[in-house]
Protein backbone atom coordinates (compact mmCIF):
# COMPACT_ATOMS: atom_id res chain seq x y z
CA MET A 1 32.92 14.37 -4.74
CA PRO A 2 30.49 16.63 -2.88
CA ASP A 3 27.60 16.10 -5.33
CA GLU A 4 27.75 12.33 -4.89
CA ALA A 5 28.10 12.67 -1.11
CA GLU A 6 25.08 14.98 -0.96
CA ALA A 7 23.10 12.55 -3.12
CA ASN A 8 23.99 9.70 -0.75
CA VAL A 9 22.88 11.78 2.23
CA GLY A 10 19.63 12.58 0.44
CA ARG A 11 18.97 8.90 -0.18
CA THR A 12 19.82 8.02 3.43
CA VAL A 13 17.53 10.69 4.80
CA GLU A 14 14.70 9.66 2.48
CA HIS A 15 15.08 6.00 3.52
CA LEU A 16 15.13 6.86 7.21
CA PHE A 17 12.23 9.22 6.79
CA ARG A 18 10.15 6.42 5.21
CA GLU A 19 11.19 3.96 7.92
CA GLU A 20 10.74 6.21 10.93
CA ALA A 21 7.97 8.65 9.95
CA GLY A 22 5.14 6.60 11.38
CA ARG A 23 7.03 5.86 14.59
CA ILE A 24 7.93 9.48 15.21
CA VAL A 25 4.48 10.92 14.49
CA ALA A 26 2.79 8.15 16.49
CA ALA A 27 5.05 8.63 19.52
CA LEU A 28 4.57 12.42 19.51
CA THR A 29 0.82 12.13 18.97
CA GLY A 30 0.58 9.67 21.85
CA ILE A 31 1.82 12.44 24.15
CA LEU A 32 0.46 15.58 22.48
CA GLY A 33 -2.94 14.08 21.60
CA LEU A 34 -4.77 13.82 18.30
CA ARG A 35 -5.77 17.48 18.56
CA HIS A 36 -2.13 18.30 17.87
CA LEU A 37 -1.52 15.75 15.09
CA GLU A 38 -0.40 18.50 12.72
CA LEU A 39 2.14 19.71 15.28
CA ALA A 40 3.63 16.19 15.37
CA GLU A 41 3.78 16.12 11.56
CA ASP A 42 5.46 19.54 11.46
CA ALA A 43 8.04 18.41 14.04
CA LEU A 44 8.87 15.43 11.84
CA GLN A 45 9.24 17.68 8.80
CA GLU A 46 11.57 19.99 10.73
CA ALA A 47 13.72 17.01 11.73
CA LEU A 48 13.96 15.97 8.10
CA LEU A 49 15.04 19.44 6.97
CA LYS A 50 17.68 19.64 9.70
CA ALA A 51 19.00 16.22 8.72
CA LEU A 52 19.38 17.32 5.11
CA ARG A 53 21.28 20.44 6.23
CA GLN A 54 23.51 18.89 8.89
CA TRP A 55 24.33 15.48 7.42
CA SER A 56 26.04 16.91 4.36
CA TYR A 57 29.13 15.22 2.94
CA GLY A 58 28.36 11.96 4.71
CA ASN A 59 28.59 13.28 8.28
CA LEU A 60 25.93 10.95 9.63
CA PRO A 61 25.41 10.59 13.40
CA PRO A 62 26.12 7.17 14.97
CA ASN A 63 22.40 6.44 15.32
CA PRO A 64 20.55 8.40 12.61
CA ALA A 65 17.10 7.05 13.58
CA ALA A 66 17.52 8.11 17.23
CA TRP A 67 18.88 11.49 16.03
CA LEU A 68 15.69 12.08 14.02
CA MET A 69 13.58 11.15 17.05
CA GLN A 70 15.46 13.56 19.31
CA VAL A 71 15.32 16.46 16.86
CA ALA A 72 11.59 15.92 16.28
CA LYS A 73 11.03 15.84 20.04
CA ASN A 74 12.97 19.08 20.57
CA SER A 75 11.15 20.76 17.69
CA ALA A 76 7.78 19.77 19.17
CA LEU A 77 8.82 21.07 22.59
CA ASP A 78 9.88 24.40 21.10
CA VAL A 79 6.41 24.82 19.59
CA VAL A 80 4.70 23.75 22.83
CA ARG A 81 6.63 26.35 24.84
CA ARG A 82 5.78 29.12 22.35
CA ASP A 83 2.10 28.22 22.06
CA ALA A 84 0.05 30.07 24.68
CA ARG A 85 -2.56 27.30 24.69
CA LEU A 86 0.02 24.65 25.57
CA ARG A 87 2.50 26.63 27.67
CA GLU A 88 0.93 25.57 30.96
CA LYS A 89 1.29 21.93 29.96
CA ALA A 90 4.84 22.29 28.66
CA GLU A 91 6.52 20.83 31.76
CA ALA A 92 4.23 17.78 31.81
CA ILE A 93 4.67 17.25 28.08
CA ALA A 94 8.46 17.54 28.37
CA ASP A 95 8.44 14.98 31.19
CA ALA A 96 6.29 12.58 29.15
CA LEU A 97 8.56 12.94 26.14
CA GLU A 98 11.65 12.20 28.22
CA LYS A 99 10.06 9.06 29.65
CA ASN A 100 8.75 7.76 26.33
CA PRO A 101 10.97 4.87 25.11
CA ALA A 102 10.77 6.15 21.54
CA PHE A 103 13.02 9.07 22.49
CA SER A 104 15.57 7.04 24.42
CA THR A 105 19.04 6.60 22.98
CA ALA A 106 19.57 3.39 24.93
CA PRO A 107 20.07 0.28 22.76
CA GLY A 108 17.05 -1.96 22.36
CA THR A 109 14.41 0.58 23.34
CA PHE A 110 13.63 2.03 19.94
CA MET A 111 11.30 -0.78 18.93
CA ALA A 112 9.61 -1.15 22.29
CA ASP A 113 6.02 -2.40 22.50
CA GLU A 114 4.80 1.07 23.49
CA ILE A 115 6.03 2.52 20.19
CA ARG A 116 4.36 -0.21 18.17
CA ASP A 117 1.09 0.29 20.03
CA ASP A 118 1.22 4.05 19.40
CA GLN A 119 1.39 3.29 15.68
CA LEU A 120 -1.60 0.98 15.93
CA ARG A 121 -3.55 3.65 17.80
CA LEU A 122 -2.71 6.13 15.05
CA ILE A 123 -3.83 3.70 12.32
CA PHE A 124 -7.21 3.33 14.00
CA ALA A 125 -7.49 7.09 14.49
CA CYS A 126 -6.83 7.64 10.78
CA CYS A 127 -9.59 5.15 9.94
CA HIS A 128 -12.21 6.54 12.33
CA PRO A 129 -15.74 6.51 10.84
CA ALA A 130 -15.99 10.28 11.37
CA LEU A 131 -13.63 10.58 8.37
CA ALA A 132 -14.65 10.07 4.75
CA HIS A 133 -12.98 7.08 3.12
CA GLU A 134 -10.70 9.18 0.93
CA GLY A 135 -9.68 11.14 4.03
CA GLN A 136 -8.78 7.91 5.81
CA VAL A 137 -6.45 6.88 2.98
CA ALA A 138 -4.82 10.31 2.68
CA LEU A 139 -4.27 10.66 6.43
CA THR A 140 -2.77 7.16 6.70
CA LEU A 141 -0.30 7.91 3.91
CA LYS A 142 0.63 11.27 5.45
CA THR A 143 0.99 10.31 9.11
CA LEU A 144 2.09 6.68 9.06
CA CYS A 145 3.97 6.49 5.77
CA GLY A 146 5.55 9.94 5.68
CA PHE A 147 4.19 10.82 2.24
CA SER A 148 4.15 14.42 1.14
CA VAL A 149 0.97 16.06 -0.13
CA GLY A 150 2.41 15.95 -3.65
CA GLU A 151 3.16 12.24 -3.44
CA ILE A 152 -0.35 11.45 -2.23
CA ALA A 153 -1.79 13.56 -5.05
CA ARG A 154 0.30 11.69 -7.63
CA ALA A 155 -0.59 8.29 -6.18
CA PHE A 156 -4.33 8.94 -6.46
CA LEU A 157 -4.53 11.09 -9.59
CA SER A 158 -5.50 14.23 -7.74
CA THR A 159 -4.14 17.73 -7.21
CA THR A 160 -2.06 18.94 -4.28
CA GLU A 161 -4.79 21.48 -3.47
CA THR A 162 -7.44 18.74 -3.27
CA ILE A 163 -5.26 16.51 -1.08
CA ALA A 164 -4.30 19.41 1.20
CA LYS A 165 -7.99 20.25 1.72
CA ARG A 166 -8.77 16.57 2.28
CA LEU A 167 -6.11 16.34 4.98
CA THR A 168 -7.30 19.54 6.65
CA ARG A 169 -10.87 18.24 6.73
CA ALA A 170 -9.73 14.90 8.14
CA ARG A 171 -7.73 16.53 10.95
CA ASP A 172 -10.62 18.90 11.72
CA ARG A 173 -13.05 16.00 11.98
CA LEU A 174 -10.72 14.13 14.33
CA ARG A 175 -10.62 17.21 16.56
CA LYS A 176 -14.36 17.88 16.45
CA ALA A 177 -15.24 14.23 17.09
CA ASP A 178 -12.75 14.23 19.97
CA VAL A 179 -11.46 10.85 18.78
CA PRO A 180 -9.58 9.02 21.54
CA PHE A 181 -6.03 7.88 20.81
CA GLU A 182 -6.73 4.19 21.39
CA ILE A 183 -7.40 0.84 19.79
CA PRO A 184 -11.19 0.41 20.06
CA SER A 185 -12.81 -2.70 21.48
CA GLY A 186 -15.81 -4.92 20.83
CA LEU A 187 -18.06 -4.16 17.86
CA GLU A 188 -16.31 -0.83 17.24
CA LEU A 189 -13.00 -2.66 16.77
CA SER A 190 -14.49 -5.03 14.18
CA ALA A 191 -16.02 -2.19 12.18
CA ARG A 192 -12.90 -0.02 12.35
CA LEU A 193 -10.54 -2.92 11.60
CA ASP A 194 -12.35 -3.52 8.32
CA SER A 195 -11.62 0.10 7.32
CA VAL A 196 -7.99 -0.27 8.36
CA LEU A 197 -7.58 -3.42 6.26
CA GLU A 198 -9.27 -1.79 3.28
CA VAL A 199 -6.93 1.22 3.46
CA LEU A 200 -3.89 -1.08 3.57
CA TYR A 201 -5.28 -3.06 0.63
CA LEU A 202 -5.61 0.12 -1.45
CA LEU A 203 -2.13 1.20 -0.39
CA PHE A 204 -0.58 -2.09 -1.52
CA ASN A 205 -2.49 -2.13 -4.81
CA GLU A 206 -1.25 1.34 -5.73
CA GLY A 207 2.30 0.11 -5.11
CA TYR A 208 1.80 -3.15 -7.00
CA ASN A 209 0.39 -1.47 -10.09
CA ALA A 210 0.83 2.31 -9.99
CA SER A 211 -2.08 4.24 -11.43
CA HIS A 212 0.20 6.66 -13.28
CA GLY A 213 3.76 7.91 -13.67
CA GLY A 214 6.92 6.45 -15.10
CA GLU A 215 7.14 3.38 -12.88
CA LEU A 216 4.78 0.40 -12.93
CA ILE A 217 5.76 -0.63 -9.39
CA ARG A 218 6.16 1.57 -6.30
CA ARG A 219 7.88 -0.77 -3.86
CA GLU A 220 7.76 1.67 -0.96
CA LEU A 221 3.96 1.52 -0.96
CA CYS A 222 3.97 -2.29 -0.93
CA GLU A 223 6.55 -2.34 1.86
CA GLU A 224 4.54 0.13 3.96
CA ALA A 225 1.36 -1.92 3.56
CA ILE A 226 3.21 -5.08 4.66
CA ARG A 227 4.82 -3.28 7.62
CA LEU A 228 1.54 -1.87 8.88
CA ALA A 229 -0.37 -5.13 8.39
CA THR A 230 2.38 -6.96 10.29
CA LEU A 231 1.95 -4.47 13.14
CA LEU A 232 -1.73 -5.40 13.28
CA THR A 233 -0.96 -9.11 13.69
CA ARG A 234 1.24 -8.35 16.70
CA ASN A 235 -1.67 -6.95 18.68
CA PRO A 236 -4.10 -9.55 20.12
CA ALA A 237 -7.13 -7.40 19.35
CA CYS A 238 -6.20 -7.13 15.66
CA ASP A 239 -4.69 -10.59 15.24
CA THR A 240 -7.66 -11.95 13.28
CA PRO A 241 -7.95 -14.50 10.45
CA LYS A 242 -8.94 -11.69 8.08
CA THR A 243 -5.80 -9.72 8.94
CA HIS A 244 -3.66 -12.79 8.25
CA ALA A 245 -5.50 -13.38 4.96
CA LEU A 246 -4.66 -9.84 3.82
CA LEU A 247 -1.03 -10.20 4.87
CA ALA A 248 -0.82 -13.55 3.04
CA LEU A 249 -2.10 -11.83 -0.11
CA PHE A 250 0.51 -9.08 0.28
CA PHE A 251 3.37 -11.57 0.61
CA PHE A 252 2.24 -13.67 -2.37
CA GLN A 253 1.98 -10.60 -4.58
CA ALA A 254 5.18 -8.96 -3.31
CA ALA A 255 7.09 -12.20 -3.92
CA ARG A 256 6.69 -11.68 -7.67
CA LEU A 257 7.61 -7.99 -7.88
CA ALA A 258 11.18 -8.53 -9.11
CA ALA A 259 9.95 -10.69 -12.01
CA ARG A 260 7.09 -8.45 -13.18
CA ILE A 261 9.25 -6.16 -15.29
CA ASP A 262 12.29 -6.84 -17.47
CA GLU A 263 15.59 -4.95 -17.50
CA ALA A 264 14.08 -2.33 -19.81
CA GLY A 265 11.25 -1.75 -17.36
CA GLU A 266 8.63 -3.43 -19.54
CA ILE A 267 5.80 -5.62 -18.26
CA LEU A 268 6.22 -9.37 -18.13
CA LEU A 269 3.00 -11.36 -17.87
CA LEU A 270 2.82 -14.39 -15.58
CA LYS A 271 3.56 -16.83 -18.39
CA HIS A 272 6.76 -14.96 -19.31
CA GLN A 273 8.13 -14.37 -15.81
CA ASP A 274 11.36 -16.03 -14.63
CA ARG A 275 10.06 -17.89 -11.60
CA THR A 276 13.54 -18.34 -10.20
CA ARG A 277 13.34 -14.61 -9.41
CA TRP A 278 10.27 -15.08 -7.24
CA ASN A 279 11.03 -14.56 -3.57
CA ARG A 280 10.58 -17.99 -1.96
CA GLU A 281 10.93 -16.62 1.55
CA MET A 282 7.98 -14.30 0.95
CA ILE A 283 5.94 -17.15 -0.52
CA ALA A 284 6.66 -19.21 2.60
CA LYS A 285 5.54 -16.30 4.78
CA GLY A 286 2.40 -16.02 2.69
CA MET A 287 1.62 -19.70 3.22
CA ALA A 288 2.18 -19.36 6.97
CA HIS A 289 -0.26 -16.44 7.16
CA LEU A 290 -2.76 -18.26 4.94
CA ASP A 291 -2.65 -21.19 7.37
CA ARG A 292 -3.37 -18.83 10.27
CA ALA A 293 -6.17 -17.21 8.26
CA ALA A 294 -7.92 -20.60 8.13
CA ALA A 295 -8.47 -20.53 11.90
CA GLY A 296 -11.80 -18.73 11.60
CA ASP A 297 -15.11 -19.68 9.99
CA GLU A 298 -15.23 -16.72 7.57
CA ALA A 299 -14.09 -16.76 3.95
CA SER A 300 -13.59 -13.04 3.36
CA PRO A 301 -12.65 -11.60 -0.06
CA PHE A 302 -9.08 -11.36 1.27
CA HIS A 303 -9.10 -15.13 1.96
CA LEU A 304 -10.26 -15.87 -1.57
CA GLN A 305 -7.80 -13.46 -3.20
CA ALA A 306 -4.95 -14.91 -1.13
CA GLY A 307 -6.03 -18.41 -2.22
CA ILE A 308 -5.93 -17.35 -5.87
CA ALA A 309 -2.50 -15.74 -5.45
CA SER A 310 -1.20 -18.89 -3.74
CA CYS A 311 -2.22 -21.00 -6.75
CA HIS A 312 0.01 -18.85 -8.94
CA CYS A 313 2.91 -18.89 -6.48
CA LEU A 314 2.83 -22.66 -5.97
CA ALA A 315 2.99 -23.49 -9.69
CA SER A 316 6.61 -24.21 -10.62
CA ARG A 317 5.76 -23.57 -14.30
CA TYR A 318 3.00 -21.51 -15.88
CA GLU A 319 1.61 -24.63 -17.52
CA GLU A 320 1.11 -26.20 -14.09
CA THR A 321 -1.14 -23.41 -12.82
CA ASP A 322 -4.30 -24.84 -11.24
CA TRP A 323 -6.75 -22.73 -13.25
CA ALA A 324 -9.71 -24.89 -12.26
CA ARG A 325 -9.03 -24.09 -8.59
CA ILE A 326 -8.56 -20.41 -9.44
CA LEU A 327 -11.90 -20.32 -11.30
CA SER A 328 -13.70 -21.96 -8.39
CA LEU A 329 -12.28 -19.31 -6.04
CA TYR A 330 -13.36 -16.53 -8.43
CA ASP A 331 -16.84 -18.06 -8.57
CA LEU A 332 -16.98 -17.61 -4.80
CA LEU A 333 -15.37 -14.17 -4.87
CA VAL A 334 -17.91 -12.66 -7.27
CA THR A 335 -20.68 -13.51 -4.79
CA THR A 336 -19.07 -11.31 -2.11
CA ASP A 337 -17.23 -8.75 -4.26
CA ALA A 338 -19.22 -7.51 -7.24
CA SER A 339 -16.46 -5.20 -8.49
CA PRO A 340 -15.92 -5.06 -12.28
CA VAL A 341 -12.24 -5.97 -11.89
CA VAL A 342 -13.12 -9.21 -10.08
CA ALA A 343 -15.60 -10.04 -12.84
CA LEU A 344 -12.90 -9.32 -15.43
CA ASN A 345 -10.38 -11.59 -13.71
CA ARG A 346 -12.99 -14.35 -13.45
CA ALA A 347 -13.64 -14.09 -17.21
CA VAL A 348 -9.91 -14.55 -17.86
CA ALA A 349 -9.94 -17.67 -15.66
CA VAL A 350 -12.97 -18.96 -17.60
CA GLY A 351 -10.89 -18.64 -20.77
CA LYS A 352 -8.07 -20.67 -19.23
CA VAL A 353 -10.36 -23.48 -18.08
CA ARG A 354 -13.08 -23.63 -20.77
CA GLY A 355 -11.31 -22.15 -23.77
CA ALA A 356 -10.90 -18.77 -25.44
CA ALA A 357 -14.43 -18.68 -26.87
CA ALA A 358 -15.97 -19.19 -23.41
CA GLY A 359 -13.65 -16.55 -21.95
CA LEU A 360 -14.62 -14.08 -24.66
CA ALA A 361 -18.30 -14.74 -23.98
CA ALA A 362 -17.74 -14.12 -20.27
CA LEU A 363 -16.04 -10.81 -21.08
CA ASP A 364 -18.83 -9.72 -23.40
CA GLU A 365 -21.35 -10.40 -20.63
CA ILE A 366 -19.74 -7.67 -18.51
CA ARG A 367 -18.61 -5.20 -21.18
CA ASN A 368 -21.51 -2.82 -20.47
CA ARG A 369 -20.27 -2.13 -16.94
CA GLU A 370 -19.33 1.54 -16.90
CA ALA A 371 -16.06 1.04 -15.01
CA LEU A 372 -14.78 -1.34 -17.70
CA GLN A 373 -15.62 0.77 -20.72
CA ARG A 374 -12.47 2.86 -20.29
CA TYR A 375 -10.35 0.25 -18.49
CA TYR A 376 -7.37 -0.76 -20.59
CA LEU A 377 -7.08 -4.28 -19.12
CA PHE A 378 -10.58 -5.19 -20.29
CA TYR A 379 -9.61 -4.51 -23.91
CA ALA A 380 -6.18 -6.11 -23.50
CA ALA A 381 -7.75 -9.29 -22.08
CA ARG A 382 -10.29 -9.36 -24.87
CA ALA A 383 -7.58 -8.85 -27.49
CA GLU A 384 -5.59 -11.79 -26.09
CA LEU A 385 -8.59 -14.10 -26.44
CA LEU A 386 -9.43 -12.81 -29.92
CA ALA A 387 -5.83 -13.43 -31.03
CA GLU A 388 -6.00 -16.95 -29.60
CA LEU A 389 -9.10 -17.55 -31.75
CA GLY A 390 -7.29 -16.22 -34.84
CA ARG A 391 -9.45 -13.10 -35.06
CA ASN A 392 -6.42 -10.86 -35.54
CA GLU A 393 -8.06 -7.73 -36.94
CA GLU A 394 -10.48 -7.59 -34.02
CA ALA A 395 -7.58 -8.26 -31.63
CA ARG A 396 -5.61 -5.41 -33.18
CA SER A 397 -8.57 -3.08 -32.72
CA ASP A 398 -8.96 -3.99 -29.04
CA TYR A 399 -5.23 -3.55 -28.37
CA ALA A 400 -5.49 -0.09 -29.92
CA GLN A 401 -8.48 0.64 -27.68
CA ALA A 402 -6.51 -0.51 -24.65
CA LEU A 403 -3.62 1.77 -25.66
CA SER A 404 -5.95 4.77 -25.74
CA PHE A 405 -7.00 4.19 -22.13
CA THR A 406 -3.62 4.15 -20.36
CA GLU A 407 -0.85 6.70 -19.94
CA LEU A 408 1.51 4.53 -17.86
CA ALA A 409 4.72 4.05 -19.85
CA ALA A 410 5.20 0.35 -19.03
CA GLU A 411 1.62 -0.49 -20.01
CA ARG A 412 1.82 1.51 -23.24
CA ASN A 413 5.10 -0.15 -24.22
CA TYR A 414 3.61 -3.61 -23.67
CA LEU A 415 0.53 -2.82 -25.77
CA MET A 416 2.57 -1.28 -28.59
CA LYS A 417 4.77 -4.39 -28.63
CA ARG A 418 1.67 -6.57 -29.01
CA LEU A 419 0.43 -4.38 -31.87
CA ARG A 420 3.80 -4.64 -33.64
CA GLN A 421 3.61 -8.44 -33.46
CA PHE A 422 0.55 -8.35 -35.72
CA ASP A 423 2.57 -6.38 -38.27
CA ILE A 424 5.33 -9.02 -38.15
CA GLU A 425 2.84 -11.84 -38.51
């Protein structure tokens, strides 16, 4: 069955590519320098193409990850030896590549500390202040997560041309700013770490609730955000309470992924989720990181969001949710994060604690915010409260409004189901 075998190889290569992309690019960049980041990315792409050609019909090498590393190394060396600007350095580069533990085939060396630190250095390079914020996100996805230009464009509702230009500008700025391949120290570390954490937060959110496409959840984005945040906690300079707070939030949210959609791929709200499907190991990890986050004297937005998520995860039944605690945390969060989405979530919590009428009033207080006027969840939340108050015609109207503001299949199916319920009633 050649077609099935080829499909299996394709899946294996894609999985390995996701797992190893950041390690390969980071290891090559550590030797070649940030000026040659694109060369490292091209070497990785060449290794992927060779794997697809040579691993056909299930002929996988004994150690596929090490094979990818070796092929990427050889591809980079070929370019170095052909490039007149690098030819004089070719021998030194070859020697450095041979000595780098990432390219060793010996057991136990593939996850050496040096490899992990190269990835951290690359994260901080991608989030250098010389780059615009959107460039930081795009470059992180490309270099550390192995995403193609098309995938990045789809994830952030853009075009491949726009993303390609964004990546080119980001690489050019890294070269012009002569950014060192290092983890910064002192005040520069604190400022840069905030950007790194924000990029990872955006990455996870896009995976948790995809902005478009056929799937509500993109697990690979959530997994990458968790992997990279975990790397941060393993470096003393980045092992901060705020980092642990973000990782706690990731684990609490990821613990519920399997229960967020039913077998037909439709959305299940918290009150309808089968909590036996929640990942208890992830919840335990989230609690452990939340405990470590409490070591400092700062209550960052990540601390407060992780606290809110923990309230949901610790409730054995929906009816046992500590909404009063959640509302108190949202009251604190809106003082540090004035985003419309936070205000919306707080209004929902007001409805749970003080009743539907109070929740509806809280929503109407923020309805003039521009970002909410075309945001489907605002109208869906309002429709839920209107229905609870028995104002069904108004609820129907708001559900229809919500439907007009989303193209994601899972969200549309949920809203159409709610509209049909009014017809049944």
